[in-house]
C-alpha cells in the first residue's frame, strides 16, 4: 500500500527547492519524489523534506566508504562512476535516488500509520507497515547494487 495522490488541485502544492547534497551524490528534488512515489498532497511539504533529509543522511553514511574509494580513484560525482559492463550509464545515480526515495517513503508510511482502534484501522496500519518494510528492503537492495553486493546475506551461526 502506498500513499497515493487523490483529488485536489496540483496547483495547491508547491514543492520545495532541491535539497543540497554533499557534492558527490545528486541533490534531491522533493517534487520528483512526490511524482515518482505518488505521495498524497495531504502530506505536508515539511514532512516530505524532513523524510528525504533523513534518508539522504542514512544512505550517504552507508555509502561513505564507496564514495571515499571513488574519490581515491579520481571520481568526484556519482554520474562519473564508471559503469559495470551490465549497467547503463547513470545507474549509480539512479540507484542512489531509488535508495533515498524508498527510505523516505517508508518513513512517511510509518509516520502516517492509522492508529484507529477499529479493526479496519488496525488492518490498514498493518498494510502500511508491510509496505514500509518493502520500501526499506528496496532501499537496502539499491545500496547493495551500488556496492556490488548481493541483495541477501545468509550466515550460519
Protein backbone atom coordinates (compact mmCIF):
# COMPACT_ATOMS: atom_id res chain seq x y z
CA UNK A 1 0.00 0.00 0.00
CA UNK A 2 1.24 3.46 -0.79
CA UNK A 3 0.13 6.98 -0.10
CA UNK A 4 -1.49 7.71 -3.43
CA UNK A 5 -2.48 11.19 -4.53
CA UNK A 6 -6.18 11.71 -4.99
CA UNK A 7 -8.44 14.70 -5.59
CA UNK A 8 -7.43 18.29 -5.15
CA UNK A 9 -5.58 20.56 -7.45
CA UNK A 10 -1.91 20.13 -8.15
CA UNK A 11 -1.60 23.91 -8.09
CA UNK A 12 -2.31 23.78 -4.33
CA UNK A 13 1.01 22.06 -3.81
CA UNK A 14 4.32 23.83 -4.30
CA UNK A 15 7.29 21.52 -3.88
CA UNK A 16 10.37 22.73 -2.09
CA UNK A 17 13.57 23.52 -3.94
CA UNK A 18 16.13 20.72 -4.32
CA UNK A 19 17.74 19.53 -1.09
CA UNK A 20 21.51 20.09 -1.41
CA UNK A 21 23.69 17.02 -1.08
CA UNK A 22 27.41 16.57 -0.43
CA UNK A 23 28.64 17.24 -3.98
CA UNK A 24 29.25 13.62 -4.91
CA UNK A 25 25.64 12.44 -4.73
CA UNK A 26 22.89 14.35 -6.54
CA UNK A 27 20.69 16.95 -4.89
CA UNK A 28 17.25 15.52 -4.16
CA UNK A 29 14.11 17.16 -5.51
CA UNK A 30 11.01 16.76 -3.30
CA UNK A 31 8.71 17.29 -6.31
CA UNK A 32 10.35 14.43 -8.22
CA UNK A 33 9.99 12.20 -5.15
CA UNK A 34 6.30 13.09 -4.84
CA UNK A 35 5.71 12.38 -8.54
CA UNK A 36 7.60 9.10 -8.68
CA UNK A 37 6.15 7.73 -5.46
CA UNK A 38 2.71 9.29 -5.81
CA UNK A 39 2.83 10.86 -2.36
CA UNK A 40 -0.50 12.39 -1.35
CA UNK A 41 -0.69 16.15 -1.40
CA UNK A 42 -2.18 15.92 2.10
CA UNK A 43 1.30 15.03 3.39
CA UNK A 44 2.86 18.38 4.37
CA UNK A 45 5.87 19.51 2.37
CA UNK A 46 7.88 19.88 5.57
CA UNK A 47 7.34 16.21 6.38
CA UNK A 48 8.46 15.21 2.87
CA UNK A 49 11.60 17.36 3.07
CA UNK A 50 12.40 16.02 6.55
CA UNK A 51 11.96 12.38 5.47
CA UNK A 52 14.14 12.94 2.40
CA UNK A 53 16.85 14.63 4.51
CA UNK A 54 16.93 11.74 6.98
CA UNK A 55 17.05 9.25 4.12
CA UNK A 56 19.87 11.14 2.39
CA UNK A 57 21.99 11.16 5.55
CA UNK A 58 21.38 7.46 6.14
CA UNK A 59 22.16 6.40 2.56
CA UNK A 60 25.21 8.71 2.43
CA UNK A 61 26.50 7.06 5.63
CA UNK A 62 26.01 3.59 4.16
CA UNK A 63 27.89 4.64 1.02
CA UNK A 64 30.66 6.67 2.71
CA UNK A 65 33.38 4.08 2.02
CA UNK A 66 32.22 3.69 -1.59
CA UNK A 67 32.39 7.46 -2.04
CA UNK A 68 35.88 7.57 -0.49
CA UNK A 69 37.08 4.82 -2.86
CA UNK A 70 35.68 6.77 -5.80
CA UNK A 71 37.46 9.94 -4.65
CA UNK A 72 40.71 7.96 -4.32
CA UNK A 73 40.20 6.82 -7.93
CA UNK A 74 39.68 10.42 -9.09
CA UNK A 75 35.88 10.20 -9.47
CA UNK A 76 34.14 13.15 -7.80
CA UNK A 77 30.49 12.74 -8.79
CA UNK A 78 28.14 9.78 -8.86
CA UNK A 79 27.35 10.41 -12.54
CA UNK A 80 31.03 9.88 -13.34
CA UNK A 81 31.33 6.46 -11.67
CA UNK A 82 32.40 4.00 -14.38
CA UNK A 83 29.56 1.64 -15.24
CA UNK A 84 29.97 -2.10 -14.90
CA UNK A 85 29.53 -4.00 -18.19
CA UNK A 86 25.96 -4.94 -17.24
CA UNK A 87 24.98 -1.39 -16.23
CA UNK A 88 23.64 1.52 -18.21
CA UNK A 89 25.26 4.95 -17.86
CA UNK A 90 23.88 6.78 -14.85
CA UNK A 91 22.86 3.63 -12.95
CA UNK A 92 24.79 4.62 -9.81
CA UNK A 93 22.93 7.92 -9.55
CA UNK A 94 19.58 6.26 -10.34
CA UNK A 95 20.17 3.60 -7.68
CA UNK A 96 21.11 6.30 -5.17
CA UNK A 97 17.82 8.12 -5.80
CA UNK A 98 15.97 4.80 -5.53
CA UNK A 99 17.59 4.15 -2.14
CA UNK A 100 16.77 7.63 -0.82
CA UNK A 101 13.22 7.72 -2.18
CA UNK A 102 12.37 4.24 -0.89
CA UNK A 103 13.76 5.01 2.57
CA UNK A 104 11.87 8.32 2.74
CA UNK A 105 8.64 6.66 1.58
CA UNK A 106 8.97 4.02 4.31
CA UNK A 107 9.45 6.77 6.88
CA UNK A 108 6.36 8.62 5.69
CA UNK A 109 4.26 5.45 5.74
CA UNK A 110 5.36 4.76 9.31
CA UNK A 111 4.65 8.33 10.39
CA UNK A 112 1.13 8.25 8.98
CA UNK A 113 0.16 4.78 10.17
CA UNK A 114 -3.51 4.69 11.16
CA UNK A 115 -3.79 4.17 14.92
CA UNK A 116 -7.56 3.76 14.84
CA UNK A 117 -8.92 1.38 17.46
CA UNK A 118 -11.26 -0.19 14.92
CA UNK A 119 -10.49 -3.46 13.14
CA UNK A 120 -10.31 -1.71 9.76
CA UNK A 121 -7.88 0.86 11.15
CA UNK A 122 -5.72 -1.89 12.60
CA UNK A 123 -5.68 -3.74 9.26
CA UNK A 124 -4.82 -0.54 7.34
CA UNK A 125 -1.93 0.07 9.74
CA UNK A 126 -0.62 -3.46 9.21
CA UNK A 127 -0.76 -3.00 5.43
CA UNK A 128 1.21 0.26 5.74
CA UNK A 129 3.77 -1.49 7.99
CA UNK A 130 4.24 -4.21 5.37
CA UNK A 131 4.60 -1.60 2.62
CA UNK A 132 7.13 0.33 4.72
CA UNK A 133 9.14 -2.88 5.17
CA UNK A 134 9.06 -3.39 1.39
CA UNK A 135 10.33 0.14 0.78
CA UNK A 136 13.13 -0.31 3.35
CA UNK A 137 14.10 -3.56 1.59
CA UNK A 138 14.14 -1.77 -1.77
CA UNK A 139 16.39 0.91 -0.30
CA UNK A 140 18.82 -1.72 1.06
CA UNK A 141 18.83 -3.52 -2.30
CA UNK A 142 19.67 -0.31 -4.17
CA UNK A 143 22.59 0.35 -1.80
CA UNK A 144 23.76 -3.26 -2.23
CA UNK A 145 23.68 -2.87 -6.02
CA UNK A 146 25.78 0.30 -5.82
CA UNK A 147 28.28 -1.58 -3.67
CA UNK A 148 28.23 -4.61 -5.96
CA UNK A 149 26.96 -6.85 -3.16
CA UNK A 150 24.22 -9.48 -3.27
CA UNK A 151 20.79 -8.47 -2.01
CA UNK A 152 20.77 -11.08 0.74
CA UNK A 153 23.50 -12.27 3.06
CA UNK A 154 22.97 -15.53 4.91
CA UNK A 155 25.29 -16.73 7.64
CA UNK A 156 25.11 -19.90 9.68
CA UNK A 157 25.57 -19.38 13.37
